[in-house]
Amino acid sequence: MEETHRDRDAEGRARNARPRDGLGRPLPYGAPGVERQPEGAARTPEETLREAQRLLDAGMPFHAHEVFEDAWKSGPVAERELWRGLAQLAVGLTHAARGNATGGARLLRRGAAALAEFGATLPHGIGVDGLIGWAEELAERVEAKQSCASDAGRVRPVDAADEAPCLRPGGR
C-alpha cells in the first residue's frame, strides 16, 4: 500500500503547501501561485482592513478571507462576529467568482446576517450597512444567473475585482 504524503507544519498539523491561484484554488506543486497570507498574523484592525481591501481590490477574496479569519480568531470576543461576518462575505465572493452560485449566495447572506448586529455603528470605520446591502444584492444576482443555468448551481463566474466591496464608506 502506498503511503500518501501530507504537508505538515512543525507541530504536526496538516498544512497544504500547494500553491494557490488568486481565488484560493490549489495549483499543481511547483506551479507559480499567489503568495499566501501568513497564517495567524497579529494585525491591528486598521492593518486588517487595509490588507483585506487591497486583496479584495486585486480580485483575491479568498486571501482577504484569511486576513479576516486571523482577526476573527485573535480579536476581542465582542468583535468576533464582525470579523467572522466579513470573512464569510469574502468567501461568498470567492464562491461566486468560482461560478458556485449556491455556495456564493449562501455565504454572502450568512455574512450579512452576522454583520446585522453591528448595523450603523461603523466599527473601525467599516460601512456595515453598505456591506449588508452589497452582499444581499450580489446574492440575488448570482441566484438569478443560477435560475437561468442548466448545470446545477454552476454559473458564469462574477469578476471578483469588479465586484469587490468597499469596506469603508467614502473610499478604499
N, C-alpha and C. Protein backbone atom coordinates (compact mmCIF):
# COMPACT_ATOMS: atom_id res chain seq x y z
N MET A 1 0.85 -1.18 0.00
CA MET A 1 0.00 0.00 0.00
C MET A 1 0.89 1.24 0.00
N GLU A 2 0.61 2.19 -0.88
CA GLU A 2 1.43 3.40 -1.00
C GLU A 2 1.01 4.43 0.05
N GLU A 3 1.98 4.99 0.74
CA GLU A 3 1.71 5.99 1.76
C GLU A 3 1.52 7.36 1.09
N THR A 4 0.51 8.08 1.52
CA THR A 4 0.23 9.40 0.98
C THR A 4 0.98 10.45 1.78
N HIS A 5 1.69 11.34 1.11
CA HIS A 5 2.41 12.41 1.77
C HIS A 5 1.44 13.54 2.09
N ARG A 6 1.47 14.02 3.32
CA ARG A 6 0.64 15.15 3.71
C ARG A 6 1.55 16.24 4.23
N ASP A 7 1.28 17.46 3.78
CA ASP A 7 2.06 18.60 4.26
C ASP A 7 1.71 18.84 5.73
N ARG A 8 2.74 19.01 6.54
CA ARG A 8 2.54 19.25 7.97
C ARG A 8 3.43 20.41 8.41
N ASP A 9 2.96 21.14 9.43
CA ASP A 9 3.80 22.20 9.98
C ASP A 9 4.68 21.61 11.09
N ALA A 10 5.45 22.46 11.76
CA ALA A 10 6.39 22.00 12.79
C ALA A 10 5.69 21.29 13.95
N GLU A 11 4.42 21.64 14.20
CA GLU A 11 3.67 21.00 15.29
C GLU A 11 2.92 19.76 14.83
N GLY A 12 3.05 19.40 13.54
CA GLY A 12 2.40 18.21 13.03
C GLY A 12 0.99 18.44 12.50
N ARG A 13 0.52 19.70 12.49
CA ARG A 13 -0.81 19.99 11.96
C ARG A 13 -0.77 19.97 10.43
N ALA A 14 -1.85 19.47 9.85
CA ALA A 14 -1.93 19.41 8.38
C ALA A 14 -1.92 20.82 7.80
N ARG A 15 -1.09 21.03 6.81
CA ARG A 15 -1.00 22.30 6.07
C ARG A 15 -0.85 21.95 4.60
N ASN A 16 -1.58 22.63 3.77
CA ASN A 16 -1.47 22.39 2.34
C ASN A 16 -0.47 23.38 1.78
N ALA A 17 0.67 22.88 1.35
CA ALA A 17 1.74 23.72 0.83
C ALA A 17 1.62 23.95 -0.67
N ARG A 18 0.59 23.39 -1.29
CA ARG A 18 0.42 23.60 -2.73
C ARG A 18 0.19 25.08 -3.00
N PRO A 19 0.73 25.56 -4.09
CA PRO A 19 0.46 26.96 -4.45
C PRO A 19 -1.02 27.12 -4.78
N ARG A 20 -1.51 28.35 -4.65
CA ARG A 20 -2.92 28.64 -4.94
C ARG A 20 -3.03 29.80 -5.90
N ASP A 21 -4.15 29.82 -6.61
CA ASP A 21 -4.38 30.94 -7.51
C ASP A 21 -5.05 32.08 -6.73
N GLY A 22 -5.41 33.14 -7.41
CA GLY A 22 -5.99 34.31 -6.76
C GLY A 22 -7.32 34.05 -6.08
N LEU A 23 -8.02 32.98 -6.48
CA LEU A 23 -9.28 32.63 -5.84
C LEU A 23 -9.11 31.48 -4.86
N GLY A 24 -7.86 31.16 -4.51
CA GLY A 24 -7.59 30.16 -3.50
C GLY A 24 -7.64 28.73 -3.98
N ARG A 25 -7.81 28.51 -5.28
CA ARG A 25 -7.84 27.14 -5.79
C ARG A 25 -6.43 26.57 -5.82
N PRO A 26 -6.27 25.31 -5.35
CA PRO A 26 -4.94 24.69 -5.37
C PRO A 26 -4.43 24.50 -6.79
N LEU A 27 -3.17 24.76 -6.97
CA LEU A 27 -2.48 24.54 -8.23
C LEU A 27 -1.54 23.36 -8.06
N PRO A 28 -1.03 22.80 -9.15
CA PRO A 28 -0.07 21.70 -9.01
C PRO A 28 1.20 22.15 -8.27
N TYR A 29 1.80 21.23 -7.53
CA TYR A 29 3.07 21.54 -6.87
C TYR A 29 4.05 22.07 -7.91
N GLY A 30 4.77 23.10 -7.57
CA GLY A 30 5.77 23.68 -8.45
C GLY A 30 5.24 24.76 -9.38
N ALA A 31 3.92 24.88 -9.49
CA ALA A 31 3.34 25.92 -10.35
C ALA A 31 3.46 27.27 -9.64
N PRO A 32 3.60 28.34 -10.42
CA PRO A 32 3.62 29.66 -9.76
C PRO A 32 2.24 29.98 -9.23
N GLY A 33 2.18 30.47 -8.04
CA GLY A 33 0.90 30.81 -7.43
C GLY A 33 0.94 32.18 -6.79
N VAL A 34 -0.14 32.54 -6.18
CA VAL A 34 -0.25 33.80 -5.46
C VAL A 34 0.34 33.61 -4.07
N GLU A 35 1.08 34.58 -3.61
CA GLU A 35 1.67 34.49 -2.28
C GLU A 35 0.57 34.38 -1.24
N ARG A 36 0.72 33.41 -0.35
CA ARG A 36 -0.28 33.16 0.70
C ARG A 36 -0.12 34.18 1.82
N GLN A 37 -1.20 34.43 2.50
CA GLN A 37 -1.17 35.29 3.67
C GLN A 37 -0.55 34.51 4.83
N PRO A 38 0.26 35.17 5.63
CA PRO A 38 0.82 34.45 6.78
C PRO A 38 -0.30 34.05 7.73
N GLU A 39 -0.31 32.80 8.12
CA GLU A 39 -1.37 32.30 8.99
C GLU A 39 -1.15 32.74 10.43
N GLY A 40 -2.21 33.20 11.07
CA GLY A 40 -2.13 33.61 12.47
C GLY A 40 -1.46 34.94 12.68
N ALA A 41 -1.39 35.77 11.65
CA ALA A 41 -0.74 37.08 11.79
C ALA A 41 -1.54 37.98 12.72
N ALA A 42 -0.85 38.64 13.61
CA ALA A 42 -1.49 39.59 14.52
C ALA A 42 -1.43 40.97 13.87
N ARG A 43 -2.60 41.47 13.50
CA ARG A 43 -2.70 42.79 12.87
C ARG A 43 -3.64 43.65 13.69
N THR A 44 -3.45 44.94 13.62
CA THR A 44 -4.42 45.85 14.21
C THR A 44 -5.65 45.85 13.31
N PRO A 45 -6.79 46.32 13.80
CA PRO A 45 -7.95 46.42 12.91
C PRO A 45 -7.66 47.25 11.67
N GLU A 46 -6.91 48.33 11.82
CA GLU A 46 -6.55 49.17 10.67
C GLU A 46 -5.72 48.38 9.65
N GLU A 47 -4.74 47.63 10.12
CA GLU A 47 -3.91 46.81 9.22
C GLU A 47 -4.75 45.72 8.55
N THR A 48 -5.65 45.12 9.32
CA THR A 48 -6.53 44.08 8.78
C THR A 48 -7.37 44.65 7.65
N LEU A 49 -8.00 45.79 7.88
CA LEU A 49 -8.86 46.38 6.86
C LEU A 49 -8.08 46.83 5.64
N ARG A 50 -6.93 47.41 5.85
CA ARG A 50 -6.10 47.86 4.73
C ARG A 50 -5.66 46.68 3.86
N GLU A 51 -5.17 45.61 4.49
CA GLU A 51 -4.71 44.44 3.74
C GLU A 51 -5.88 43.73 3.06
N ALA A 52 -6.99 43.57 3.76
CA ALA A 52 -8.14 42.90 3.16
C ALA A 52 -8.67 43.71 1.98
N GLN A 53 -8.74 45.03 2.09
CA GLN A 53 -9.22 45.84 0.97
C GLN A 53 -8.29 45.73 -0.22
N ARG A 54 -6.99 45.72 0.04
CA ARG A 54 -6.01 45.56 -1.05
C ARG A 54 -6.25 44.25 -1.79
N LEU A 55 -6.47 43.18 -1.04
CA LEU A 55 -6.69 41.87 -1.65
C LEU A 55 -8.02 41.80 -2.38
N LEU A 56 -9.06 42.38 -1.81
CA LEU A 56 -10.35 42.42 -2.49
C LEU A 56 -10.24 43.18 -3.80
N ASP A 57 -9.60 44.34 -3.76
CA ASP A 57 -9.45 45.16 -4.96
C ASP A 57 -8.65 44.44 -6.04
N ALA A 58 -7.74 43.58 -5.62
CA ALA A 58 -6.91 42.81 -6.56
C ALA A 58 -7.62 41.56 -7.08
N GLY A 59 -8.87 41.35 -6.66
CA GLY A 59 -9.61 40.17 -7.10
C GLY A 59 -9.21 38.90 -6.38
N MET A 60 -8.76 39.03 -5.14
CA MET A 60 -8.32 37.87 -4.36
C MET A 60 -9.11 37.76 -3.05
N PRO A 61 -10.44 37.55 -3.15
CA PRO A 61 -11.25 37.50 -1.93
C PRO A 61 -10.93 36.32 -1.02
N PHE A 62 -10.44 35.20 -1.57
CA PHE A 62 -10.06 34.07 -0.72
C PHE A 62 -8.96 34.49 0.24
N HIS A 63 -8.00 35.22 -0.27
CA HIS A 63 -6.88 35.67 0.56
C HIS A 63 -7.32 36.74 1.55
N ALA A 64 -8.27 37.59 1.16
CA ALA A 64 -8.84 38.57 2.09
C ALA A 64 -9.56 37.83 3.23
N HIS A 65 -10.23 36.73 2.89
CA HIS A 65 -10.89 35.92 3.91
C HIS A 65 -9.90 35.45 4.98
N GLU A 66 -8.69 35.06 4.54
CA GLU A 66 -7.69 34.60 5.50
C GLU A 66 -7.27 35.72 6.45
N VAL A 67 -7.21 36.94 5.94
CA VAL A 67 -6.87 38.10 6.78
C VAL A 67 -7.97 38.33 7.81
N PHE A 68 -9.23 38.29 7.36
CA PHE A 68 -10.36 38.47 8.28
C PHE A 68 -10.42 37.33 9.30
N GLU A 69 -10.09 36.13 8.86
CA GLU A 69 -10.12 34.98 9.76
C GLU A 69 -9.12 35.15 10.92
N ASP A 70 -7.95 35.70 10.63
CA ASP A 70 -6.98 35.96 11.71
C ASP A 70 -7.56 36.93 12.73
N ALA A 71 -8.24 37.99 12.25
CA ALA A 71 -8.84 38.96 13.16
C ALA A 71 -9.97 38.31 13.96
N TRP A 72 -10.73 37.47 13.32
CA TRP A 72 -11.85 36.78 13.97
C TRP A 72 -11.33 35.89 15.08
N LYS A 73 -10.27 35.17 14.83
CA LYS A 73 -9.76 34.21 15.81
C LYS A 73 -8.94 34.85 16.92
N SER A 74 -8.36 36.03 16.66
CA SER A 74 -7.47 36.63 17.67
C SER A 74 -8.02 37.91 18.29
N GLY A 75 -9.08 38.44 17.73
CA GLY A 75 -9.60 39.72 18.21
C GLY A 75 -10.42 39.60 19.47
N PRO A 76 -10.87 40.73 19.97
CA PRO A 76 -11.72 40.72 21.17
C PRO A 76 -13.02 39.97 20.91
N VAL A 77 -13.51 39.29 21.92
CA VAL A 77 -14.72 38.49 21.80
C VAL A 77 -15.88 39.32 21.25
N ALA A 78 -15.99 40.56 21.69
CA ALA A 78 -17.10 41.42 21.25
C ALA A 78 -17.06 41.71 19.75
N GLU A 79 -15.91 41.51 19.10
CA GLU A 79 -15.79 41.80 17.67
C GLU A 79 -15.70 40.54 16.81
N ARG A 80 -15.72 39.41 17.41
CA ARG A 80 -15.52 38.18 16.62
C ARG A 80 -16.58 37.99 15.55
N GLU A 81 -17.82 38.29 15.88
CA GLU A 81 -18.89 38.13 14.88
C GLU A 81 -18.71 39.11 13.72
N LEU A 82 -18.18 40.29 13.99
CA LEU A 82 -17.89 41.26 12.93
C LEU A 82 -16.88 40.68 11.94
N TRP A 83 -15.77 40.21 12.46
CA TRP A 83 -14.70 39.67 11.60
C TRP A 83 -15.14 38.38 10.92
N ARG A 84 -15.89 37.56 11.62
CA ARG A 84 -16.40 36.33 11.03
C ARG A 84 -17.34 36.66 9.86
N GLY A 85 -18.20 37.63 10.07
CA GLY A 85 -19.12 38.05 9.00
C GLY A 85 -18.37 38.57 7.78
N LEU A 86 -17.32 39.36 8.02
CA LEU A 86 -16.51 39.87 6.90
C LEU A 86 -15.81 38.72 6.18
N ALA A 87 -15.32 37.75 6.94
CA ALA A 87 -14.68 36.58 6.32
C ALA A 87 -15.69 35.83 5.46
N GLN A 88 -16.92 35.69 5.94
CA GLN A 88 -17.95 34.98 5.18
C GLN A 88 -18.30 35.75 3.90
N LEU A 89 -18.34 37.08 3.96
CA LEU A 89 -18.59 37.85 2.74
C LEU A 89 -17.49 37.58 1.71
N ALA A 90 -16.24 37.56 2.18
CA ALA A 90 -15.12 37.31 1.26
C ALA A 90 -15.19 35.91 0.66
N VAL A 91 -15.57 34.93 1.45
CA VAL A 91 -15.70 33.57 0.92
C VAL A 91 -16.89 33.48 -0.03
N GLY A 92 -17.96 34.19 0.30
CA GLY A 92 -19.11 34.22 -0.61
C GLY A 92 -18.72 34.78 -1.97
N LEU A 93 -17.96 35.87 -1.97
CA LEU A 93 -17.47 36.43 -3.23
C LEU A 93 -16.55 35.43 -3.93
N THR A 94 -15.73 34.73 -3.17
CA THR A 94 -14.86 33.71 -3.74
C THR A 94 -15.67 32.66 -4.49
N HIS A 95 -16.70 32.14 -3.85
CA HIS A 95 -17.53 31.12 -4.49
C HIS A 95 -18.23 31.67 -5.72
N ALA A 96 -18.76 32.89 -5.64
CA ALA A 96 -19.42 33.49 -6.80
C ALA A 96 -18.42 33.66 -7.94
N ALA A 97 -17.18 34.03 -7.61
CA ALA A 97 -16.15 34.21 -8.64
C ALA A 97 -15.68 32.88 -9.22
N ARG A 98 -15.89 31.80 -8.49
CA ARG A 98 -15.56 30.46 -8.99
C ARG A 98 -16.72 29.84 -9.77
N GLY A 99 -17.88 30.53 -9.79
CA GLY A 99 -19.04 30.02 -10.51
C GLY A 99 -19.97 29.18 -9.66
N ASN A 100 -19.77 29.14 -8.35
CA ASN A 100 -20.63 28.39 -7.44
C ASN A 100 -21.69 29.33 -6.89
N ALA A 101 -22.81 29.44 -7.61
CA ALA A 101 -23.88 30.36 -7.22
C ALA A 101 -24.51 29.99 -5.89
N THR A 102 -24.75 28.72 -5.68
CA THR A 102 -25.42 28.29 -4.44
C THR A 102 -24.57 28.62 -3.22
N GLY A 103 -23.32 28.22 -3.24
CA GLY A 103 -22.42 28.49 -2.11
C GLY A 103 -22.15 29.98 -1.95
N GLY A 104 -21.99 30.68 -3.07
CA GLY A 104 -21.74 32.11 -3.01
C GLY A 104 -22.88 32.86 -2.36
N ALA A 105 -24.10 32.62 -2.84
CA ALA A 105 -25.27 33.31 -2.28
C ALA A 105 -25.46 32.96 -0.81
N ARG A 106 -25.29 31.69 -0.47
CA ARG A 106 -25.48 31.26 0.92
C ARG A 106 -24.50 31.96 1.86
N LEU A 107 -23.23 32.02 1.47
CA LEU A 107 -22.23 32.65 2.34
C LEU A 107 -22.35 34.16 2.37
N LEU A 108 -22.74 34.76 1.27
CA LEU A 108 -22.97 36.21 1.28
C LEU A 108 -24.10 36.55 2.26
N ARG A 109 -25.15 35.77 2.23
CA ARG A 109 -26.28 36.04 3.16
C ARG A 109 -25.90 35.72 4.61
N ARG A 110 -25.14 34.67 4.81
CA ARG A 110 -24.70 34.32 6.17
C ARG A 110 -23.81 35.43 6.73
N GLY A 111 -22.90 35.94 5.91
CA GLY A 111 -22.04 37.03 6.35
C GLY A 111 -22.84 38.29 6.65
N ALA A 112 -23.81 38.60 5.80
CA ALA A 112 -24.66 39.78 6.02
C ALA A 112 -25.42 39.64 7.33
N ALA A 113 -25.94 38.45 7.61
CA ALA A 113 -26.67 38.22 8.86
C ALA A 113 -25.75 38.39 10.07
N ALA A 114 -24.51 37.92 9.95
CA ALA A 114 -23.56 38.06 11.06
C ALA A 114 -23.24 39.53 11.33
N LEU A 115 -23.24 40.34 10.28
CA LEU A 115 -22.92 41.77 10.44
C LEU A 115 -24.09 42.59 10.95
N ALA A 116 -25.30 42.06 10.84
CA ALA A 116 -26.50 42.83 11.15
C ALA A 116 -26.48 43.46 12.54
N GLU A 117 -25.92 42.77 13.51
CA GLU A 117 -25.92 43.32 14.87
C GLU A 117 -25.06 44.57 15.00
N PHE A 118 -24.18 44.81 14.03
CA PHE A 118 -23.30 45.97 14.09
C PHE A 118 -23.90 47.18 13.38
N GLY A 119 -24.93 46.93 12.57
CA GLY A 119 -25.72 47.97 11.92
C GLY A 119 -24.97 49.23 11.56
N ALA A 120 -25.50 50.35 11.96
CA ALA A 120 -24.97 51.66 11.59
C ALA A 120 -23.87 52.15 12.53
N THR A 121 -23.26 51.27 13.30
CA THR A 121 -22.28 51.71 14.29
C THR A 121 -20.92 52.05 13.71
N LEU A 122 -20.64 51.65 12.48
CA LEU A 122 -19.34 51.89 11.83
C LEU A 122 -18.15 51.43 12.67
N PRO A 123 -18.13 50.16 13.11
CA PRO A 123 -16.97 49.70 13.89
C PRO A 123 -15.70 49.79 13.04
N HIS A 124 -14.69 50.44 13.58
CA HIS A 124 -13.41 50.65 12.88
C HIS A 124 -13.62 51.35 11.53
N GLY A 125 -14.71 52.09 11.41
CA GLY A 125 -15.00 52.81 10.17
C GLY A 125 -15.60 51.94 9.08
N ILE A 126 -15.93 50.70 9.40
CA ILE A 126 -16.49 49.76 8.41
C ILE A 126 -17.94 50.15 8.12
N GLY A 127 -18.27 50.26 6.87
CA GLY A 127 -19.64 50.58 6.47
C GLY A 127 -20.50 49.33 6.45
N VAL A 128 -20.89 48.90 7.63
CA VAL A 128 -21.61 47.63 7.78
C VAL A 128 -22.91 47.62 6.97
N ASP A 129 -23.71 48.66 7.08
CA ASP A 129 -24.98 48.67 6.35
C ASP A 129 -24.76 48.58 4.84
N GLY A 130 -23.76 49.28 4.33
CA GLY A 130 -23.45 49.20 2.91
C GLY A 130 -22.99 47.81 2.50
N LEU A 131 -22.21 47.16 3.35
CA LEU A 131 -21.75 45.80 3.06
C LEU A 131 -22.91 44.81 3.05
N ILE A 132 -23.84 44.99 3.97
CA ILE A 132 -25.01 44.11 4.01
C ILE A 132 -25.80 44.27 2.71
N GLY A 133 -26.03 45.52 2.30
CA GLY A 133 -26.74 45.76 1.04
C GLY A 133 -26.01 45.18 -0.16
N TRP A 134 -24.68 45.36 -0.19
CA TRP A 134 -23.86 44.80 -1.27
C TRP A 134 -24.01 43.29 -1.33
N ALA A 135 -23.91 42.64 -0.16
CA ALA A 135 -23.97 41.17 -0.10
C ALA A 135 -25.33 40.65 -0.56
N GLU A 136 -26.38 41.29 -0.10
CA GLU A 136 -27.72 40.84 -0.48
C GLU A 136 -27.97 41.03 -1.97
N GLU A 137 -27.51 42.15 -2.51
CA GLU A 137 -27.69 42.42 -3.94
C GLU A 137 -26.89 41.43 -4.79
N LEU A 138 -25.65 41.16 -4.41
CA LEU A 138 -24.83 40.21 -5.16
C LEU A 138 -25.41 38.80 -5.05
N ALA A 139 -25.88 38.42 -3.87
CA ALA A 139 -26.51 37.10 -3.70
C ALA A 139 -27.70 36.95 -4.64
N GLU A 140 -28.52 37.99 -4.75
CA GLU A 140 -29.67 37.94 -5.65
C GLU A 140 -29.24 37.80 -7.11
N ARG A 141 -28.19 38.53 -7.50
CA ARG A 141 -27.72 38.45 -8.88
C ARG A 141 -27.17 37.08 -9.23
N VAL A 142 -26.37 36.49 -8.32
CA VAL A 142 -25.81 35.17 -8.65
C VAL A 142 -26.90 34.10 -8.64
N GLU A 143 -27.89 34.26 -7.79
CA GLU A 143 -29.02 33.31 -7.81
C GLU A 143 -29.85 33.46 -9.08
N ALA A 144 -30.01 34.69 -9.56
CA ALA A 144 -30.75 34.91 -10.81
C ALA A 144 -30.02 34.25 -11.97
N LYS A 145 -28.69 34.34 -11.97
CA LYS A 145 -27.90 33.66 -13.01
C LYS A 145 -28.12 32.15 -12.91
N GLN A 146 -28.20 31.65 -11.68
CA GLN A 146 -28.37 30.21 -11.48
C GLN A 146 -29.70 29.73 -12.03
N SER A 147 -30.75 30.53 -11.87
CA SER A 147 -32.06 30.10 -12.34
C SER A 147 -32.08 29.96 -13.87
N CYS A 148 -31.16 30.65 -14.53
CA CYS A 148 -31.06 30.55 -16.00
C CYS A 148 -30.07 29.48 -16.43
N ALA A 149 -29.29 28.96 -15.50
CA ALA A 149 -28.25 27.97 -15.83
C ALA A 149 -28.83 26.57 -15.82
N SER A 150 -28.23 25.69 -16.57
CA SER A 150 -28.70 24.31 -16.62
C SER A 150 -27.80 23.35 -15.87
N ASP A 151 -26.70 23.84 -15.28
CA ASP A 151 -25.70 22.95 -14.68
C ASP A 151 -25.68 23.05 -13.16
N ALA A 152 -26.73 22.69 -12.50
CA ALA A 152 -26.85 22.53 -11.04
C ALA A 152 -25.93 23.43 -10.22
N GLY A 153 -26.23 24.71 -10.18
CA GLY A 153 -25.50 25.60 -9.29
C GLY A 153 -24.27 26.24 -9.90
N ARG A 154 -23.79 25.76 -11.04
CA ARG A 154 -22.62 26.35 -11.68
C ARG A 154 -23.08 27.41 -12.66
N VAL A 155 -22.58 28.59 -12.53
CA VAL A 155 -22.96 29.69 -13.40
C VAL A 155 -21.70 30.40 -13.89
N ARG A 156 -21.91 31.33 -14.79
CA ARG A 156 -20.79 32.15 -15.25
C ARG A 156 -20.28 32.93 -14.04
N PRO A 157 -19.01 32.80 -13.75
CA PRO A 157 -18.46 33.46 -12.56
C PRO A 157 -18.54 34.98 -12.65
N VAL A 158 -18.65 35.61 -11.49
CA VAL A 158 -18.54 37.07 -11.43
C VAL A 158 -17.06 37.43 -11.40
N ASP A 159 -16.74 38.64 -11.74
CA ASP A 159 -15.36 39.12 -11.68
C ASP A 159 -15.11 39.64 -10.26
N ALA A 160 -14.24 38.95 -9.53
CA ALA A 160 -14.03 39.28 -8.11
C ALA A 160 -13.54 40.71 -7.90
N ALA A 161 -12.67 41.20 -8.76
CA ALA A 161 -12.16 42.57 -8.61
C ALA A 161 -13.26 43.58 -8.90
N ASP A 162 -14.04 43.34 -9.96
CA ASP A 162 -15.12 44.26 -10.30
C ASP A 162 -16.20 44.30 -9.22
N GLU A 163 -16.42 43.17 -8.56
CA GLU A 163 -17.47 43.07 -7.54
C GLU A 163 -16.97 43.38 -6.12
N ALA A 164 -15.69 43.67 -5.98
CA ALA A 164 -15.13 43.90 -4.64
C ALA A 164 -15.86 45.02 -3.91
N PRO A 165 -16.27 44.75 -2.68
CA PRO A 165 -16.94 45.80 -1.91
C PRO A 165 -15.93 46.80 -1.34
N CYS A 166 -16.41 47.96 -1.02
CA CYS A 166 -15.62 48.95 -0.31
C CYS A 166 -15.94 48.77 1.17
N LEU A 167 -14.94 48.46 1.96
CA LEU A 167 -15.17 48.16 3.38
C LEU A 167 -15.52 49.40 4.20
N ARG A 168 -15.05 50.56 3.74
CA ARG A 168 -15.32 51.80 4.47
C ARG A 168 -16.04 52.79 3.54
N PRO A 169 -17.07 53.45 4.07
CA PRO A 169 -17.80 54.41 3.24
C PRO A 169 -16.87 55.52 2.76
N GLY A 170 -17.06 55.92 1.52
CA GLY A 170 -16.32 57.07 1.00
C GLY A 170 -14.94 56.76 0.48
N GLY A 171 -14.56 55.53 0.37
CA GLY A 171 -13.26 55.24 -0.19
C GLY A 171 -12.66 53.95 0.28
N ARG A 172 -11.57 53.63 -0.33
CA ARG A 172 -10.91 52.37 -0.03
C ARG A 172 -9.81 52.66 0.93
